Amino acid sequence: MSIHFGTTGFVFERSVWQPEVLAKLESHHIAAWSGDSGARTRFGASLQQFLVAQAGTEVCVLHGRNILDLEGLCSQLERLIPVDKLARTVDGPKGLASILRSKAGTHTRTPTRHRFFLWHDADVLIRHNPELFGRVAEVIAGVSAELEYAGDGALMIQRCVYIGGPRLVQVARDEDSMLNRWADDGPGVPFWSLVTGEDSPTTALCSIDSLIEAAD
């Protein structure tokens, strides 16, 4: 066995972790954490290099140190995904959800089949505005599930890899965080559960330190 996924993380072997992480991304978003900033940087760079080599794949890198609010996130996204106008809102016809639904990509000959967001230093927004982080994480998971199960024949797998430190792992382990459940909208079924048919978001937790130790 080369990799084990569970509620507390997974363990890698030296030469196979990138393909197996990619396989996990077929069904899960990932929260990858380490207390070592250098280890986080190496993880992100290695994963990015592997992902961009895959056919029909877009990799959108988000620099979390500059994401302190919705303006910081939107200003990066609109430079990564073509859009006429991006309103500084989470929902709405021209808000964050709308750009996440966009299938416009950078590939002119190969249709985009996978879009991956690599969100470095995701715990920066968690510290500055945990409520906003939760709303953003929920809409990323919700729209991703919506795209996957839309049934319009234009399947696109969209996932986010959140990369951060101990604060990220605390949120990822919290069953009540928006990485693990849909927000309550009052009586009845939560909005995103109704839209996607999914009972909850699916986020796997990854220990970056375990990966590096296995590779040494």
Protein backbone atom coordinates (compact mmCIF):
# COMPACT_ATOMS: atom_id res chain seq x y z
CA MET A 1 0.00 0.00 0.00
CA SER A 2 1.49 3.30 -1.05
CA ILE A 3 -1.00 5.79 0.33
CA HIS A 4 -3.65 5.77 3.02
CA PHE A 5 -6.43 8.32 3.21
CA GLY A 6 -8.40 8.81 6.39
CA THR A 7 -9.97 11.45 8.54
CA THR A 8 -6.61 12.56 9.91
CA GLY A 9 -4.42 12.47 6.79
CA PHE A 10 -2.51 10.18 4.49
CA VAL A 11 0.97 8.77 4.09
CA PHE A 12 3.00 8.71 0.87
CA GLU A 13 5.76 6.69 -0.69
CA ARG A 14 8.58 8.47 -2.48
CA SER A 15 7.82 8.01 -6.17
CA VAL A 16 4.06 7.73 -6.40
CA TRP A 17 2.45 10.45 -4.33
CA GLN A 18 1.67 12.91 -7.13
CA PRO A 19 -0.38 10.46 -9.24
CA GLU A 20 -2.20 9.21 -6.18
CA VAL A 21 -2.99 12.72 -5.01
CA LEU A 22 -4.35 13.37 -8.49
CA ALA A 23 -6.48 10.24 -8.19
CA LYS A 24 -7.82 11.48 -4.83
CA LEU A 25 -8.68 14.82 -6.43
CA GLU A 26 -11.10 13.01 -8.71
CA SER A 27 -13.45 12.75 -5.74
CA HIS A 28 -12.14 15.11 -3.03
CA HIS A 29 -10.85 18.57 -2.34
CA ILE A 30 -7.67 18.41 -0.27
CA ALA A 31 -6.41 20.33 2.78
CA ALA A 32 -2.62 19.90 2.81
CA TRP A 33 -0.84 21.13 5.91
CA SER A 34 2.55 21.42 7.57
CA GLY A 35 4.06 23.57 10.28
CA ASP A 36 7.09 24.08 8.00
CA SER A 37 6.58 26.85 5.43
CA GLY A 38 9.39 25.48 3.27
CA ALA A 39 7.75 22.06 3.16
CA ARG A 40 4.47 23.68 2.10
CA THR A 41 6.23 25.56 -0.68
CA ARG A 42 7.94 22.42 -1.99
CA PHE A 43 4.69 20.48 -1.88
CA GLY A 44 2.83 23.15 -3.84
CA ALA A 45 5.58 23.54 -6.45
CA SER A 46 5.91 19.79 -7.00
CA LEU A 47 2.17 19.24 -7.27
CA GLN A 48 1.76 22.20 -9.62
CA GLN A 49 4.51 20.90 -11.90
CA PHE A 50 2.85 17.49 -12.05
CA LEU A 51 -0.67 18.80 -12.63
CA VAL A 52 0.18 21.21 -15.44
CA ALA A 53 1.69 18.31 -17.39
CA GLN A 54 -1.70 16.56 -17.56
CA ALA A 55 -3.71 16.94 -20.76
CA GLY A 56 -6.77 19.16 -20.60
CA THR A 57 -5.83 20.47 -17.17
CA GLU A 58 -5.75 24.04 -15.84
CA VAL A 59 -3.93 24.94 -12.65
CA CYS A 60 -4.90 28.21 -10.99
CA VAL A 61 -2.45 29.29 -8.28
CA LEU A 62 -3.83 31.51 -5.52
CA HIS A 63 -1.38 33.40 -3.31
CA GLY A 64 -3.05 33.41 0.07
CA ARG A 65 -0.79 35.99 1.70
CA ASN A 66 -2.57 38.56 -0.47
CA ILE A 67 -6.04 37.17 0.20
CA LEU A 68 -7.26 38.97 3.29
CA ASP A 69 -10.77 39.66 2.02
CA LEU A 70 -13.05 39.07 -0.97
CA GLU A 71 -11.34 41.81 -2.98
CA GLY A 72 -8.00 40.04 -2.66
CA LEU A 73 -9.46 36.72 -3.81
CA CYS A 74 -11.48 38.14 -6.70
CA SER A 75 -8.60 40.24 -8.00
CA GLN A 76 -6.53 37.07 -8.36
CA LEU A 77 -9.30 34.95 -9.85
CA GLU A 78 -10.16 37.41 -12.60
CA ARG A 79 -6.53 37.22 -13.76
CA LEU A 80 -6.74 33.44 -13.95
CA ILE A 81 -10.17 32.82 -15.52
CA PRO A 82 -11.47 35.03 -18.37
CA VAL A 83 -14.52 36.98 -17.25
CA ASP A 84 -16.25 40.19 -18.35
CA LYS A 85 -16.93 41.43 -14.85
CA LEU A 86 -16.51 39.92 -11.42
CA ALA A 87 -18.53 41.47 -8.64
CA ARG A 88 -17.07 41.44 -5.16
CA THR A 89 -19.75 39.11 -3.84
CA VAL A 90 -19.85 35.40 -3.14
CA ASP A 91 -23.20 34.77 -4.81
CA GLY A 92 -25.14 36.58 -7.50
CA PRO A 93 -25.04 36.54 -11.32
CA LYS A 94 -21.55 38.08 -11.52
CA GLY A 95 -20.09 37.04 -8.17
CA LEU A 96 -17.58 34.42 -7.10
CA ALA A 97 -19.91 31.52 -7.90
CA SER A 98 -20.27 32.75 -11.48
CA ILE A 99 -16.54 32.74 -12.26
CA LEU A 100 -16.19 29.30 -10.68
CA ARG A 101 -18.90 28.08 -13.06
CA SER A 102 -17.04 29.42 -16.08
CA LYS A 103 -15.65 26.73 -18.36
CA ALA A 104 -13.65 29.21 -20.42
CA GLY A 105 -10.03 28.14 -20.30
CA THR A 106 -6.57 28.71 -21.67
CA HIS A 107 -6.50 25.57 -23.84
CA THR A 108 -7.41 26.36 -27.45
CA ARG A 109 -7.24 22.82 -28.84
CA THR A 110 -7.81 20.59 -25.83
CA PRO A 111 -11.05 21.09 -23.85
CA THR A 112 -10.52 21.73 -20.17
CA ARG A 113 -11.48 18.58 -18.31
CA HIS A 114 -9.85 19.39 -14.97
CA ARG A 115 -9.34 22.69 -13.17
CA PHE A 116 -7.34 22.72 -9.97
CA PHE A 117 -6.94 25.63 -7.58
CA LEU A 118 -3.75 25.55 -5.50
CA TRP A 119 -4.44 27.96 -2.64
CA HIS A 120 -1.15 28.65 -0.89
CA ASP A 121 -1.28 30.00 2.68
CA ALA A 122 -5.02 29.38 2.87
CA ASP A 123 -4.86 29.79 6.64
CA VAL A 124 -4.15 33.51 6.23
CA LEU A 125 -7.80 34.13 5.34
CA ILE A 126 -8.89 31.71 8.06
CA ARG A 127 -7.12 33.91 10.63
CA HIS A 128 -8.29 37.22 9.18
CA ASN A 129 -11.88 36.29 8.36
CA PRO A 130 -12.90 32.71 9.20
CA GLU A 131 -16.52 33.34 8.26
CA LEU A 132 -15.54 34.49 4.76
CA PHE A 133 -13.20 31.53 4.35
CA GLY A 134 -16.08 29.22 5.20
CA ARG A 135 -18.38 30.88 2.66
CA VAL A 136 -15.70 30.70 -0.03
CA ALA A 137 -14.85 27.06 0.71
CA GLU A 138 -18.53 26.16 0.56
CA VAL A 139 -19.12 27.85 -2.78
CA ILE A 140 -15.98 26.23 -4.25
CA ALA A 141 -17.23 22.80 -3.17
CA GLY A 142 -20.80 23.54 -4.21
CA VAL A 143 -20.04 24.83 -7.69
CA SER A 144 -17.52 22.02 -8.24
CA ALA A 145 -20.19 19.42 -7.46
CA GLU A 146 -22.68 21.31 -9.60
CA LEU A 147 -20.31 21.25 -12.60
CA GLU A 148 -19.60 17.57 -12.11
CA TYR A 149 -23.22 16.48 -11.94
CA ALA A 150 -24.81 19.08 -14.22
CA GLY A 151 -25.68 16.46 -16.81
CA ASP A 152 -25.15 18.79 -19.77
CA GLY A 153 -22.49 16.51 -21.30
CA ALA A 154 -19.66 18.98 -20.66
CA LEU A 155 -18.14 17.35 -17.60
CA MET A 156 -15.42 19.30 -15.83
CA ILE A 157 -13.77 18.21 -12.58
CA GLN A 158 -12.90 21.24 -10.46
CA ARG A 159 -11.08 20.87 -7.16
CA CYS A 160 -9.20 23.00 -4.65
CA VAL A 161 -6.02 22.09 -2.78
CA TYR A 162 -5.82 24.26 0.33
CA ILE A 163 -2.23 24.55 1.56
CA GLY A 164 -1.50 25.91 5.01
CA GLY A 165 -0.31 25.44 8.56
CA PRO A 166 -1.81 24.20 11.85
CA ARG A 167 -4.82 26.54 11.66
CA LEU A 168 -5.87 24.89 8.40
CA VAL A 169 -5.71 21.41 9.89
CA GLN A 170 -7.89 22.54 12.79
CA VAL A 171 -10.56 23.69 10.36
CA ALA A 172 -10.23 20.57 8.20
CA ARG A 173 -10.75 18.35 11.26
CA ASP A 174 -13.76 20.32 12.43
CA GLU A 175 -16.88 18.45 11.34
CA ASP A 176 -18.85 21.70 11.52
CA SER A 177 -16.55 23.68 9.22
CA MET A 178 -17.57 24.47 5.65
CA LEU A 179 -14.88 22.09 4.41
CA ASN A 180 -17.04 19.28 5.78
CA ARG A 181 -20.67 20.40 5.71
CA TRP A 182 -23.08 22.70 3.91
CA ALA A 183 -24.31 25.79 5.75
CA ASP A 184 -27.76 25.59 7.28
CA ASP A 185 -30.24 27.74 5.37
CA GLY A 186 -33.05 27.36 7.85
CA PRO A 187 -35.69 24.62 7.81
CA GLY A 188 -35.31 22.02 5.10
CA VAL A 189 -32.44 20.75 2.98
CA PRO A 190 -29.36 23.04 2.73
CA PHE A 191 -29.15 24.92 -0.58
CA TRP A 192 -26.04 23.20 -1.91
CA SER A 193 -27.32 19.77 -0.95
CA LEU A 194 -30.49 20.50 -2.89
CA VAL A 195 -28.56 21.77 -5.93
CA THR A 196 -25.92 19.04 -6.06
CA GLY A 197 -27.59 16.05 -4.44
CA GLU A 198 -24.53 15.71 -2.19
CA ASP A 199 -25.01 15.40 1.57
CA SER A 200 -21.80 17.34 2.31
CA PRO A 201 -18.54 18.58 0.75
CA THR A 202 -15.76 16.01 0.50
CA THR A 203 -12.39 17.20 1.79
CA ALA A 204 -9.42 14.93 2.53
CA LEU A 205 -6.68 15.97 4.93
CA CYS A 206 -3.04 15.55 3.89
CA SER A 207 0.05 15.68 6.09
CA ILE A 208 2.79 17.26 3.98
CA ASP A 209 5.41 16.26 6.56
CA SER A 210 4.52 12.60 6.02
CA LEU A 211 5.10 13.05 2.29
CA ILE A 212 8.51 14.66 2.76
CA GLU A 213 9.65 12.10 5.31
CA ALA A 214 8.72 9.29 2.92
CA ALA A 215 10.65 10.98 0.09
CA ASP A 216 13.86 11.48 2.08
